[in-house]
Amino acid sequence: MRTSTDGVAQDSQRRTLYLGGRLYTPTDPFATAMLVADGVVAWLGSDGAAEVMRDIGTTVVDLDGALVTPAFVDAHLHTTATGMVELGLDLTDTQNLAEVLDAVRSRVGAGVIIGYGWDERSWPEARPPTSAELDRAGYGGAVFLDRADVHSSVASSSLLAALPELREMDGYDSSGWLRHEAHDYARAAVYAELPAELRAQAQRWTRAEAARYGIGAIHEIGGPSISSHPDVSALMSLAAAEPGPEVIAYWGELSAGSRALELGCAGAAGDLYIDGTVGSHTAALREPYADNPTAGYTYVTAAQVRDHVVHCAEANIQAGFHVIGDAALDTVLAGFVEAGEAIGADRVRAGGHRLEHVELVRPEHISVMADFGIIASVQPRFDEEWGGPDGMYAERLGDRWQSMNPFAAMQAGGVVLAFGSDSPVTSLDPWQAVRAAAQHRTPGQALSVRAAFSAHTRGGWRAAGLAGGVLEPGAPASLAVWRADELVVAAPDGRVSAWSTDPRSATPGLPVLTDGAPSPVCLRTVVRGTTVYDVGALAGD
């Protein structure tokens, strides 16, 4: 493949010599030059030593002091839904019911109206729109609006009438507010019926946006209750045909190893729900919510977890589950223990299985996760959005908010962390996720910037059972080039030392991410040697 008309994609077999940069690599913390050849990192060293590598077949790029790092990995993302926020209705900034209904009116005549992001907690009305209100705003058309946590929704009467089976499902409400089973069913039905071209447009937008943020790989979290078989299949075909971030997909369905393999997925894992979310009062808790008499819902038993883990071990693929509440963690880990008793703990451990979100965590949970080598796929921006004494977690859970997302405790206990966005729940900004983890709202649970960066790069590859996320000879050339200011080595307590004045540390630095410091700007994203995003700011091409 030669350079495309937009100047983005380039032949992964070309040799590219980068000079004059600052490279984040454990091989040589003082490296300023790097050779990429045949899609891998071929060499790292100094500009002077690199001079002998100049030849007719090598493109030389002057980095002019730019920072080069491994590309980020988003370990939990919903590709089509993220694109549909851009192509549909983005309701994340709506302040009341009237704004939501006005947004619906603006899309009348555009087919099924799909929206995302409403959150009734801060509205004066303190409730979502009803189906009757959506009917009036949408002039009787089909309307489906996901809540901000994507675990409840509201639907118009015409959409409800098209899915009469909803009325018999748990979570159905005649007002049009759908939760639990009813929400999952309606959402899957809506996304399964997206026109093929609209689906492709949404998926292309998300991959392009990810590349713009320096993301070189995404974990698509699919399944019968969150997307559809055609949705995942279409995304995998698109990723195989067009340049962009790599796609590692998961299919969240019990004992569906053959389906996962048919789709080309890494596992029957991801959003295979043990429970729901805190925001929708559906995460399963040991004790009731502080603002609601319910204790949430557990959708899967420990025996079902056991059988699924055993099934995935026999199929030689990853197992995994969506789990948020402490009671849900009790259930899923009891299932892993039972699986270990059935087939041996070593065989379970060898599977590199994963849990998504892992939010309300108790100390006893951490030791079991570490014992079984379970990887925690977590979202630091959840704490940024909802943590702290005045946040949604405190509103829903009371003092238990302080046990949410204990990143430092999990890392100290031997649990591997992989960072993701859960987009569209939070944005695709990986540096902001690193910042959020380093500025955790719960005292003692912050990570160093270096540990957080590792979780968002190398951790994502480990969560998929693959090697990557490090710039070293022989590694895949999946990297990002950044315009960044001062680089520092930072500790979780905020202490920093400028790497340029502390060469004895032999530790490469990362950008300053304290309050008010700008995030680095991505200049180029490269996936296995192919440039998939480029602003045209690097000289020498």
Protein backbone atom coordinates (compact mmCIF):
# COMPACT_ATOMS: atom_id res chain seq x y z
CA MET A 1 0.00 0.00 0.00
CA ARG A 2 1.42 3.37 -0.99
CA THR A 3 0.60 6.67 0.66
CA SER A 4 -3.13 7.40 0.40
CA THR A 5 -4.59 10.62 -0.92
CA ASP A 6 -5.15 11.89 2.61
CA GLY A 7 -1.53 11.25 3.54
CA VAL A 8 -2.42 8.88 6.36
CA ALA A 9 -1.85 5.25 5.44
CA GLN A 10 1.65 4.23 4.40
CA ASP A 11 3.34 0.94 3.50
CA SER A 12 4.18 -0.98 6.70
CA GLN A 13 7.18 -2.52 4.88
CA ARG A 14 8.93 0.85 4.41
CA ARG A 15 11.86 1.80 6.60
CA THR A 16 11.31 4.95 8.63
CA LEU A 17 14.10 6.52 10.67
CA TYR A 18 12.95 8.89 13.39
CA LEU A 19 15.57 11.39 14.65
CA GLY A 20 15.74 14.13 17.26
CA GLY A 21 13.06 12.87 19.60
CA ARG A 22 12.51 11.79 23.16
CA LEU A 23 11.67 8.10 23.29
CA TYR A 24 9.76 6.40 26.10
CA THR A 25 11.56 3.06 26.12
CA PRO A 26 13.08 0.78 28.76
CA THR A 27 15.83 -0.23 26.32
CA ASP A 28 17.62 3.12 26.35
CA PRO A 29 16.10 5.98 28.40
CA PHE A 30 18.39 8.43 26.56
CA ALA A 31 17.49 7.27 23.04
CA THR A 32 16.68 10.00 20.53
CA ALA A 33 16.40 7.91 17.36
CA MET A 34 14.44 4.85 16.25
CA LEU A 35 14.31 2.77 13.10
CA VAL A 36 11.00 1.14 12.09
CA ALA A 37 11.19 -1.58 9.44
CA ASP A 38 8.78 -4.28 8.30
CA GLY A 39 6.22 -3.16 10.88
CA VAL A 40 8.46 -3.58 13.91
CA VAL A 41 10.90 -1.51 15.94
CA ALA A 42 14.26 -2.46 14.41
CA TRP A 43 16.65 -0.29 16.38
CA LEU A 44 16.87 2.39 19.11
CA GLY A 45 19.80 4.67 19.92
CA SER A 46 21.33 8.10 19.42
CA ASP A 47 21.05 10.44 16.45
CA GLY A 48 24.79 10.07 15.80
CA ALA A 49 24.66 6.30 15.66
CA ALA A 50 21.62 6.48 13.38
CA GLU A 51 23.51 8.29 10.59
CA VAL A 52 24.77 5.01 9.11
CA MET A 53 21.12 3.92 8.58
CA ARG A 54 20.31 6.64 6.09
CA ASP A 55 19.85 5.20 2.62
CA ILE A 56 17.64 5.62 -0.43
CA GLY A 57 14.98 3.25 0.86
CA THR A 58 14.61 4.94 4.25
CA THR A 59 12.28 7.81 5.04
CA VAL A 60 13.88 10.13 7.60
CA VAL A 61 11.58 12.01 9.98
CA ASP A 62 12.79 14.90 12.14
CA LEU A 63 10.89 14.69 15.44
CA ASP A 64 12.12 18.13 16.55
CA GLY A 65 12.00 17.12 20.21
CA ALA A 66 8.64 15.35 20.05
CA LEU A 67 7.91 12.51 22.47
CA VAL A 68 7.47 8.99 21.08
CA THR A 69 5.61 6.42 23.19
CA PRO A 70 3.88 3.10 22.65
CA ALA A 71 0.39 3.68 21.27
CA PHE A 72 -2.41 3.50 23.79
CA VAL A 73 -4.80 0.55 24.03
CA ASP A 74 -8.44 1.15 24.94
CA ALA A 75 -9.34 -2.08 26.71
CA HIS A 76 -13.11 -1.53 26.84
CA LEU A 77 -14.99 0.24 24.09
CA HIS A 78 -18.28 0.01 22.18
CA THR A 79 -17.36 1.05 18.66
CA THR A 80 -20.72 1.46 16.97
CA ALA A 81 -22.38 3.07 20.00
CA THR A 82 -19.50 5.56 20.25
CA GLY A 83 -19.91 6.53 16.61
CA MET A 84 -23.65 6.83 17.02
CA VAL A 85 -23.15 9.53 19.67
CA GLU A 86 -21.52 11.58 16.92
CA LEU A 87 -24.06 10.61 14.26
CA GLY A 88 -27.13 10.50 16.50
CA LEU A 89 -28.12 12.56 19.53
CA ASP A 90 -25.49 13.47 22.12
CA LEU A 91 -27.44 14.20 25.30
CA THR A 92 -24.51 14.29 27.72
CA ASP A 93 -24.79 18.05 28.36
CA THR A 94 -28.57 18.29 28.67
CA GLN A 95 -29.67 20.06 31.83
CA ASN A 96 -33.37 19.22 31.91
CA LEU A 97 -36.20 17.37 30.19
CA ALA A 98 -36.97 20.23 27.83
CA GLU A 99 -33.47 20.12 26.31
CA VAL A 100 -33.77 16.37 25.68
CA LEU A 101 -37.15 16.78 23.99
CA ASP A 102 -35.87 19.69 21.91
CA ALA A 103 -32.99 17.49 20.75
CA VAL A 104 -35.45 14.78 19.73
CA ARG A 105 -37.53 17.30 17.75
CA SER A 106 -34.39 18.36 15.87
CA ARG A 107 -34.04 14.84 14.42
CA VAL A 108 -37.62 14.21 13.34
CA GLY A 109 -37.72 12.70 9.86
CA ALA A 110 -34.27 11.07 10.16
CA GLY A 111 -35.57 7.53 10.78
CA VAL A 112 -35.17 5.88 14.18
CA ILE A 113 -33.84 8.51 16.59
CA ILE A 114 -31.03 7.10 18.71
CA GLY A 115 -29.57 9.14 21.55
CA TYR A 116 -27.18 8.70 24.43
CA GLY A 117 -26.03 10.36 27.62
CA TRP A 118 -29.01 11.65 29.62
CA ASP A 119 -28.67 11.65 33.41
CA GLU A 120 -31.75 12.61 35.40
CA ARG A 121 -29.91 13.06 38.72
CA SER A 122 -29.14 16.75 38.21
CA TRP A 123 -32.34 17.73 36.39
CA PRO A 124 -35.01 19.81 38.16
CA GLU A 125 -37.54 17.12 37.23
CA ALA A 126 -35.29 14.32 38.61
CA ARG A 127 -36.78 11.82 36.15
CA PRO A 128 -36.28 10.74 32.53
CA PRO A 129 -38.73 11.57 29.74
CA THR A 130 -41.77 9.32 29.37
CA SER A 131 -42.77 7.51 26.19
CA ALA A 132 -45.71 9.93 25.85
CA GLU A 133 -43.33 12.91 25.91
CA LEU A 134 -41.07 11.21 23.36
CA ASP A 135 -44.12 10.52 21.18
CA ARG A 136 -45.00 14.20 21.08
CA ALA A 137 -41.42 15.36 20.51
CA GLY A 138 -40.79 12.73 17.86
CA TYR A 139 -44.18 13.12 16.15
CA GLY A 140 -44.96 9.47 16.79
CA GLY A 141 -41.67 8.12 15.41
CA ALA A 142 -39.38 5.53 16.97
CA VAL A 143 -37.08 7.00 19.63
CA PHE A 144 -34.51 5.18 21.79
CA LEU A 145 -32.39 7.11 24.31
CA ASP A 146 -29.66 5.43 26.38
CA ARG A 147 -28.92 6.68 29.88
CA ALA A 148 -25.33 7.83 30.57
CA ASP A 149 -24.32 4.44 32.00
CA VAL A 150 -25.93 2.51 29.10
CA HIS A 151 -27.78 0.31 31.59
CA SER A 152 -31.22 1.85 31.29
CA SER A 153 -33.04 3.69 28.54
CA VAL A 154 -36.29 5.33 27.49
CA ALA A 155 -38.28 4.43 24.39
CA SER A 156 -41.20 5.90 22.48
CA SER A 157 -44.55 4.11 22.20
CA SER A 158 -43.99 3.09 18.58
CA LEU A 159 -40.73 1.39 19.48
CA LEU A 160 -42.34 -0.36 22.44
CA ALA A 161 -45.20 -1.50 20.20
CA ALA A 162 -42.68 -2.99 17.76
CA LEU A 163 -41.24 -5.07 20.62
CA PRO A 164 -44.34 -6.41 22.43
CA GLU A 165 -42.29 -9.08 24.22
CA LEU A 166 -40.78 -6.33 26.39
CA ARG A 167 -43.93 -6.20 28.47
CA GLU A 168 -43.16 -9.62 29.93
CA MET A 169 -39.57 -8.82 30.77
CA ASP A 170 -37.97 -7.76 34.04
CA GLY A 171 -37.31 -4.03 34.07
CA TYR A 172 -40.18 -3.01 31.78
CA ASP A 173 -42.15 0.04 32.85
CA SER A 174 -45.19 1.35 31.03
CA SER A 175 -43.75 4.87 31.31
CA GLY A 176 -41.14 3.85 28.73
CA TRP A 177 -38.23 3.61 31.18
CA LEU A 178 -36.48 0.30 30.51
CA ARG A 179 -34.03 -1.38 32.85
CA HIS A 180 -32.49 -4.80 33.42
CA GLU A 181 -33.59 -7.43 30.89
CA ALA A 182 -36.02 -5.11 29.07
CA HIS A 183 -33.32 -2.53 28.43
CA ASP A 184 -30.80 -5.09 27.20
CA TYR A 185 -33.33 -6.62 24.82
CA ALA A 186 -34.52 -3.29 23.39
CA ARG A 187 -30.99 -1.94 22.95
CA ALA A 188 -29.80 -5.07 21.15
CA ALA A 189 -32.85 -4.95 18.87
CA VAL A 190 -32.27 -1.29 17.96
CA TYR A 191 -28.58 -1.75 17.18
CA ALA A 192 -29.18 -4.98 15.24
CA GLU A 193 -31.45 -3.06 12.84
CA LEU A 194 -29.04 -0.22 12.04
CA PRO A 195 -28.63 0.23 8.28
CA ALA A 196 -25.32 -1.27 7.12
CA GLU A 197 -23.97 2.03 5.79
CA LEU A 198 -24.84 3.90 8.99
CA ARG A 199 -23.17 1.17 11.05
CA ALA A 200 -20.02 1.37 8.91
CA GLN A 201 -20.02 5.15 9.16
CA ALA A 202 -20.22 4.96 12.97
CA GLN A 203 -17.45 2.37 13.17
CA ARG A 204 -15.17 4.34 10.83
CA TRP A 205 -15.70 7.49 12.89
CA THR A 206 -14.76 5.74 16.13
CA ARG A 207 -11.61 4.17 14.72
CA ALA A 208 -10.54 7.51 13.25
CA GLU A 209 -11.22 9.28 16.53
CA ALA A 210 -9.25 6.65 18.45
CA ALA A 211 -6.30 7.11 16.10
CA ARG A 212 -6.49 10.88 16.66
CA TYR A 213 -5.98 10.23 20.38
CA GLY A 214 -2.92 8.05 19.85
CA ILE A 215 -4.80 4.78 20.36
CA GLY A 216 -3.36 1.90 18.35
CA ALA A 217 -5.70 -0.89 19.48
CA ILE A 218 -9.22 -1.13 20.84
CA HIS A 219 -11.03 -3.94 22.62
CA GLU A 220 -14.53 -4.13 21.18
CA ILE A 221 -16.90 -5.34 23.90
CA GLY A 222 -19.77 -7.02 22.09
CA GLY A 223 -22.49 -9.49 22.92
CA PRO A 224 -26.17 -10.26 22.52
CA SER A 225 -27.20 -7.73 25.16
CA ILE A 226 -24.89 -4.87 24.18
CA SER A 227 -24.61 -5.07 20.36
CA SER A 228 -25.24 -7.97 17.98
CA HIS A 229 -23.59 -10.72 16.00
CA PRO A 230 -23.80 -8.69 12.74
CA ASP A 231 -22.36 -5.64 14.50
CA VAL A 232 -19.20 -7.40 15.65
CA SER A 233 -18.83 -9.24 12.35
CA ALA A 234 -19.10 -5.98 10.39
CA LEU A 235 -16.51 -4.29 12.61
CA MET A 236 -14.02 -7.13 12.22
CA SER A 237 -14.44 -7.04 8.45
CA LEU A 238 -14.00 -3.27 8.39
CA ALA A 239 -10.84 -3.45 10.52
CA ALA A 240 -9.37 -6.12 8.23
CA ALA A 241 -10.05 -4.04 5.12
CA GLU A 242 -9.16 -0.50 6.23
CA PRO A 243 -6.16 1.01 8.08
CA GLY A 244 -6.75 2.11 11.64
CA PRO A 245 -6.38 0.92 15.22
CA GLU A 246 -6.33 -2.83 15.64
CA VAL A 247 -9.59 -4.38 16.86
CA ILE A 248 -9.54 -7.14 19.48
CA ALA A 249 -13.11 -8.26 19.99
CA TYR A 250 -14.98 -10.08 22.75
CA TRP A 251 -18.38 -11.75 22.69
CA GLY A 252 -20.18 -11.68 26.06
CA GLU A 253 -22.39 -14.75 26.10
CA LEU A 254 -22.42 -17.74 28.45
CA SER A 255 -20.77 -20.89 27.08
CA ALA A 256 -20.55 -19.39 23.60
CA GLY A 257 -16.97 -20.28 22.77
CA SER A 258 -17.86 -21.47 19.27
CA ARG A 259 -19.72 -18.23 18.53
CA ALA A 260 -16.79 -16.17 19.81
CA LEU A 261 -14.34 -18.10 17.64
CA GLU A 262 -16.66 -17.81 14.62
CA LEU A 263 -16.60 -14.04 15.01
CA GLY A 264 -12.81 -13.97 15.41
CA CYS A 265 -13.04 -12.89 19.04
CA ALA A 266 -10.36 -13.34 21.70
CA GLY A 267 -12.85 -14.69 24.19
CA ALA A 268 -16.38 -15.18 25.42
CA ALA A 269 -15.93 -12.26 27.75
CA GLY A 270 -16.55 -8.55 28.21
CA ASP A 271 -20.05 -7.34 29.02
CA LEU A 272 -21.33 -10.71 30.12
CA TYR A 273 -23.31 -9.23 32.97
CA ILE A 274 -22.99 -10.43 36.54
CA ASP A 275 -24.83 -7.25 37.57
CA GLY A 276 -25.70 -3.75 36.33
CA THR A 277 -24.43 -0.30 37.33
CA VAL A 278 -24.42 1.93 40.39
CA GLY A 279 -26.05 4.81 38.54
CA SER A 280 -29.08 2.70 37.59
CA HIS A 281 -29.27 1.00 41.03
CA THR A 282 -28.65 -2.36 39.36
CA ALA A 283 -25.10 -3.15 40.53
CA ALA A 284 -25.37 -6.01 43.06
CA LEU A 285 -24.42 -4.93 46.59
CA ARG A 286 -23.96 -6.77 49.87
CA GLU A 287 -26.08 -4.07 51.53
CA PRO A 288 -28.86 -1.88 50.04
CA TYR A 289 -28.17 1.43 48.33
CA ALA A 290 -28.05 4.52 50.52
CA ASP A 291 -30.74 6.24 48.40
CA ASN A 292 -32.86 3.23 47.39
CA PRO A 293 -34.11 0.15 49.27
CA THR A 294 -32.85 -2.23 46.57
CA ALA A 295 -29.48 -4.01 46.73
CA GLY A 296 -29.31 -4.39 42.96
CA TYR A 297 -29.46 -7.51 40.85
CA THR A 298 -27.28 -10.54 40.17
CA TYR A 299 -27.98 -11.96 36.73
CA VAL A 300 -25.67 -14.99 36.82
CA THR A 301 -25.02 -17.62 39.51
CA ALA A 302 -21.66 -18.86 40.75
CA ALA A 303 -22.41 -22.22 39.13
CA GLN A 304 -22.95 -20.52 35.77
CA VAL A 305 -19.66 -18.64 36.19
CA ARG A 306 -17.92 -21.94 36.97
CA ASP A 307 -19.37 -23.65 33.92
CA HIS A 308 -18.47 -20.72 31.66
CA VAL A 309 -14.86 -20.59 32.87
CA VAL A 310 -14.52 -24.35 32.36
CA HIS A 311 -16.11 -24.07 28.92
CA CYS A 312 -13.68 -21.32 27.89
CA ALA A 313 -10.71 -23.28 29.23
CA GLU A 314 -11.74 -26.24 27.06
CA ALA A 315 -12.10 -23.91 24.04
CA ASN A 316 -8.72 -22.30 24.86
CA ILE A 317 -10.17 -18.77 24.91
CA GLN A 318 -10.54 -16.10 27.55
CA ALA A 319 -13.54 -15.93 29.87
CA GLY A 320 -14.68 -12.73 31.49
CA PHE A 321 -17.57 -10.84 33.02
CA HIS A 322 -18.95 -7.36 33.68
CA VAL A 323 -18.94 -6.96 37.46
CA ILE A 324 -19.34 -3.81 39.56
CA GLY A 325 -20.88 -4.40 43.01
CA ASP A 326 -19.28 -6.25 45.92
CA ALA A 327 -22.02 -8.91 45.97
CA ALA A 328 -21.46 -9.43 42.25
CA LEU A 329 -17.74 -9.86 42.88
CA ASP A 330 -18.58 -12.41 45.57
CA THR A 331 -20.55 -14.37 42.98
CA VAL A 332 -18.04 -14.25 40.14
CA LEU A 333 -15.05 -15.12 42.30
CA ALA A 334 -16.93 -17.98 43.96
CA GLY A 335 -17.46 -19.28 40.43
CA PHE A 336 -13.73 -19.03 39.67
CA VAL A 337 -12.94 -20.95 42.87
CA GLU A 338 -15.38 -23.66 41.83
CA ALA A 339 -13.82 -23.75 38.37
CA GLY A 340 -10.41 -24.18 39.97
CA GLU A 341 -11.74 -27.10 41.99
CA ALA A 342 -13.20 -28.65 38.84
CA ILE A 343 -10.24 -28.37 36.42
CA GLY A 344 -7.35 -27.20 38.59
CA ALA A 345 -6.31 -23.71 39.62
CA ASP A 346 -3.29 -23.75 37.28
CA ARG A 347 -5.49 -24.38 34.26
CA VAL A 348 -7.81 -21.54 35.25
CA ARG A 349 -4.84 -19.27 35.87
CA ALA A 350 -3.36 -20.07 32.45
CA GLY A 351 -6.44 -18.65 30.73
CA GLY A 352 -5.59 -15.01 31.51
CA HIS A 353 -9.26 -14.32 32.18
CA ARG A 354 -10.58 -10.80 32.77
CA LEU A 355 -13.21 -8.84 34.64
CA GLU A 356 -14.66 -5.55 33.40
CA HIS A 357 -15.08 -2.50 35.69
CA VAL A 358 -14.40 -4.25 39.06
CA GLU A 359 -15.50 -1.23 41.07
CA LEU A 360 -16.74 -1.97 44.61
CA VAL A 361 -13.84 -4.13 45.72
CA ARG A 362 -13.10 -5.64 49.13
CA PRO A 363 -9.61 -6.77 50.26
CA GLU A 364 -10.60 -10.45 50.09
CA HIS A 365 -11.56 -10.00 46.45
CA ILE A 366 -8.09 -8.75 45.51
CA SER A 367 -6.30 -11.82 46.84
CA VAL A 368 -8.58 -14.20 44.91
CA MET A 369 -8.17 -12.22 41.69
CA ALA A 370 -4.40 -12.27 42.07
CA ASP A 371 -4.38 -16.00 42.86
CA PHE A 372 -6.20 -16.77 39.60
CA GLY A 373 -4.29 -14.24 37.51
CA ILE A 374 -7.50 -12.37 36.69
CA ILE A 375 -6.91 -9.08 34.87
CA ALA A 376 -8.98 -6.06 35.89
CA SER A 377 -10.18 -4.03 32.89
CA VAL A 378 -11.01 -0.71 34.59
CA GLN A 379 -12.04 2.84 33.69
CA PRO A 380 -10.23 5.60 35.63
CA ARG A 381 -12.57 8.31 34.39
CA PHE A 382 -15.44 6.69 36.30
CA ASP A 383 -13.73 7.94 39.46
CA GLU A 384 -13.17 11.36 37.87
CA GLU A 385 -16.85 11.62 36.92
CA TRP A 386 -18.54 10.02 39.93
CA GLY A 387 -16.01 9.67 42.76
CA GLY A 388 -15.37 11.84 45.81
CA PRO A 389 -17.55 12.72 48.81
CA ASP A 390 -20.00 14.75 46.69
CA GLY A 391 -20.18 12.48 43.67
CA MET A 392 -22.71 9.97 42.40
CA TYR A 393 -21.00 7.08 44.19
CA ALA A 394 -21.42 8.81 47.56
CA GLU A 395 -25.05 9.63 46.72
CA ARG A 396 -25.80 6.02 45.87
CA LEU A 397 -23.53 4.23 48.35
CA GLY A 398 -22.83 6.52 51.28
CA ASP A 399 -19.39 5.93 52.82
CA ARG A 400 -18.87 2.93 50.57
CA TRP A 401 -17.78 5.31 47.81
CA GLN A 402 -14.29 5.11 49.33
CA SER A 403 -14.07 1.44 48.31
CA MET A 404 -14.79 2.16 44.64
CA ASN A 405 -12.09 1.65 42.02
CA PRO A 406 -9.17 0.91 44.40
CA PHE A 407 -6.48 0.94 41.73
CA ALA A 408 -3.48 1.23 44.06
CA ALA A 409 -4.73 -1.57 46.30
CA MET A 410 -5.35 -3.87 43.34
CA GLN A 411 -1.96 -3.16 41.84
CA ALA A 412 -0.22 -3.65 45.19
CA GLY A 413 -2.10 -6.94 45.59
CA GLY A 414 -0.75 -8.31 42.33
CA VAL A 415 -3.71 -7.66 40.02
CA VAL A 416 -2.80 -6.53 36.50
CA LEU A 417 -4.75 -3.43 35.45
CA ALA A 418 -5.80 -2.55 31.90
CA PHE A 419 -7.36 0.86 31.25
CA GLY A 420 -10.24 1.62 28.93
CA SER A 421 -12.89 4.27 28.40
CA ASP A 422 -16.12 2.25 28.16
CA SER A 423 -16.88 4.80 25.44
CA PRO A 424 -19.44 6.23 24.94
CA VAL A 425 -19.75 6.27 28.75
CA THR A 426 -16.55 8.34 28.97
CA SER A 427 -14.54 9.88 26.15
CA LEU A 428 -11.67 8.33 24.20
CA ASP A 429 -9.03 10.59 25.80
CA PRO A 430 -6.33 8.26 27.19
CA TRP A 431 -4.12 10.96 28.69
CA GLN A 432 -7.12 12.17 30.68
CA ALA A 433 -7.61 8.62 31.94
CA VAL A 434 -3.96 8.50 33.01
CA ARG A 435 -4.44 11.87 34.73
CA ALA A 436 -7.59 10.61 36.48
CA ALA A 437 -5.78 7.52 37.82
CA ALA A 438 -2.92 9.71 39.08
CA GLN A 439 -5.40 12.08 40.77
CA HIS A 440 -7.74 9.48 42.23
CA ARG A 441 -10.44 11.02 44.45
CA THR A 442 -9.98 8.40 47.17
CA PRO A 443 -6.90 9.00 49.33
CA GLY A 444 -4.29 6.30 48.87
CA GLN A 445 -5.69 4.87 45.64
CA ALA A 446 -3.79 6.99 43.09
CA LEU A 447 -1.25 5.41 40.77
CA SER A 448 1.96 7.01 39.57
CA VAL A 449 1.72 8.44 36.07
CA ARG A 450 4.17 5.77 34.96
CA ALA A 451 2.03 2.92 36.37
CA ALA A 452 -1.14 4.44 34.90
CA PHE A 453 0.50 4.85 31.50
CA SER A 454 1.62 1.22 31.60
CA ALA A 455 -1.94 0.12 32.39
CA HIS A 456 -3.19 2.04 29.34
CA THR A 457 -0.55 0.61 27.00
CA ARG A 458 1.10 -2.65 28.04
CA GLY A 459 -1.85 -3.57 30.29
CA GLY A 460 -4.23 -3.54 27.33
CA TRP A 461 -2.12 -6.05 25.44
CA ARG A 462 -1.78 -8.26 28.52
CA ALA A 463 -5.57 -8.18 28.96
CA ALA A 464 -5.84 -9.74 25.49
CA GLY A 465 -3.15 -12.33 26.22
CA LEU A 466 -0.71 -10.63 23.83
CA ALA A 467 2.71 -9.01 24.05
CA GLY A 468 3.02 -5.34 23.19
CA GLY A 469 2.96 -1.84 24.57
CA VAL A 470 6.74 -1.38 24.83
CA LEU A 471 9.16 0.26 22.40
CA GLU A 472 12.06 -2.17 22.06
CA PRO A 473 13.77 -3.96 19.19
CA GLY A 474 11.54 -6.66 17.75
CA ALA A 475 8.33 -5.19 19.21
CA PRO A 476 5.42 -4.22 16.95
CA ALA A 477 5.84 -0.63 15.76
CA SER A 478 2.55 0.58 17.24
CA LEU A 479 3.43 4.01 18.55
CA ALA A 480 2.31 7.58 18.94
CA VAL A 481 4.24 10.83 18.49
CA TRP A 482 3.33 13.70 20.80
CA ARG A 483 3.95 17.38 21.20
CA ALA A 484 4.64 17.56 24.94
CA ASP A 485 6.33 20.03 27.24
CA GLU A 486 8.53 19.06 30.18
CA LEU A 487 8.91 15.35 30.93
CA VAL A 488 9.11 14.16 34.51
CA VAL A 489 9.29 11.02 36.61
CA ALA A 490 6.33 11.27 39.01
CA ALA A 491 5.32 9.37 42.14
CA PRO A 492 1.69 8.81 43.25
CA ASP A 493 2.06 11.48 45.95
CA GLY A 494 2.87 14.10 43.34
CA ARG A 495 6.63 14.25 43.85
CA VAL A 496 8.40 14.74 40.52
CA SER A 497 11.92 15.01 39.23
CA ALA A 498 12.80 16.39 35.83
CA TRP A 499 14.39 13.58 33.89
CA SER A 500 16.74 15.94 32.06
CA THR A 501 18.38 16.90 35.37
CA ASP A 502 18.29 13.42 36.93
CA PRO A 503 20.11 11.11 34.51
CA ARG A 504 21.09 8.77 37.34
CA SER A 505 17.53 7.45 37.51
CA ALA A 506 17.86 5.96 34.00
CA THR A 507 14.06 6.22 33.89
CA PRO A 508 12.33 7.75 30.87
CA GLY A 509 9.98 10.60 31.64
CA LEU A 510 6.35 11.25 30.82
CA PRO A 511 4.43 14.51 30.41
CA VAL A 512 3.39 16.58 33.41
CA LEU A 513 -0.29 15.83 34.12
CA THR A 514 -0.95 17.98 37.18
CA ASP A 515 -4.01 20.25 37.36
CA GLY A 516 -3.90 22.89 34.66
CA ALA A 517 -1.14 21.20 32.65
CA PRO A 518 -2.19 20.66 29.02
CA SER A 519 -2.45 17.13 27.72
CA PRO A 520 0.03 16.14 25.00
CA VAL A 521 -1.13 16.65 21.43
CA CYS A 522 -0.95 13.65 19.11
CA LEU A 523 1.03 14.35 15.93
CA ARG A 524 1.07 10.83 14.51
CA THR A 525 -0.28 7.37 15.31
CA VAL A 526 1.38 4.31 13.81
CA VAL A 527 -0.05 0.77 13.93
CA ARG A 528 2.46 -1.99 13.16
CA GLY A 529 4.41 0.39 10.95
CA THR A 530 1.42 1.88 9.13
CA THR A 531 0.60 5.53 9.83
CA VAL A 532 -3.11 5.77 10.57
CA TYR A 533 -3.20 9.38 11.78
CA ASP A 534 -0.90 12.30 10.95
CA VAL A 535 -1.36 16.05 11.34
CA GLY A 536 1.51 16.75 8.93
CA ALA A 537 3.68 18.47 11.53
CA LEU A 538 6.76 16.21 11.27
CA ALA A 539 9.44 17.30 8.83
CA GLY A 540 11.22 14.93 6.47
CA ASP A 541 8.37 12.82 5.05
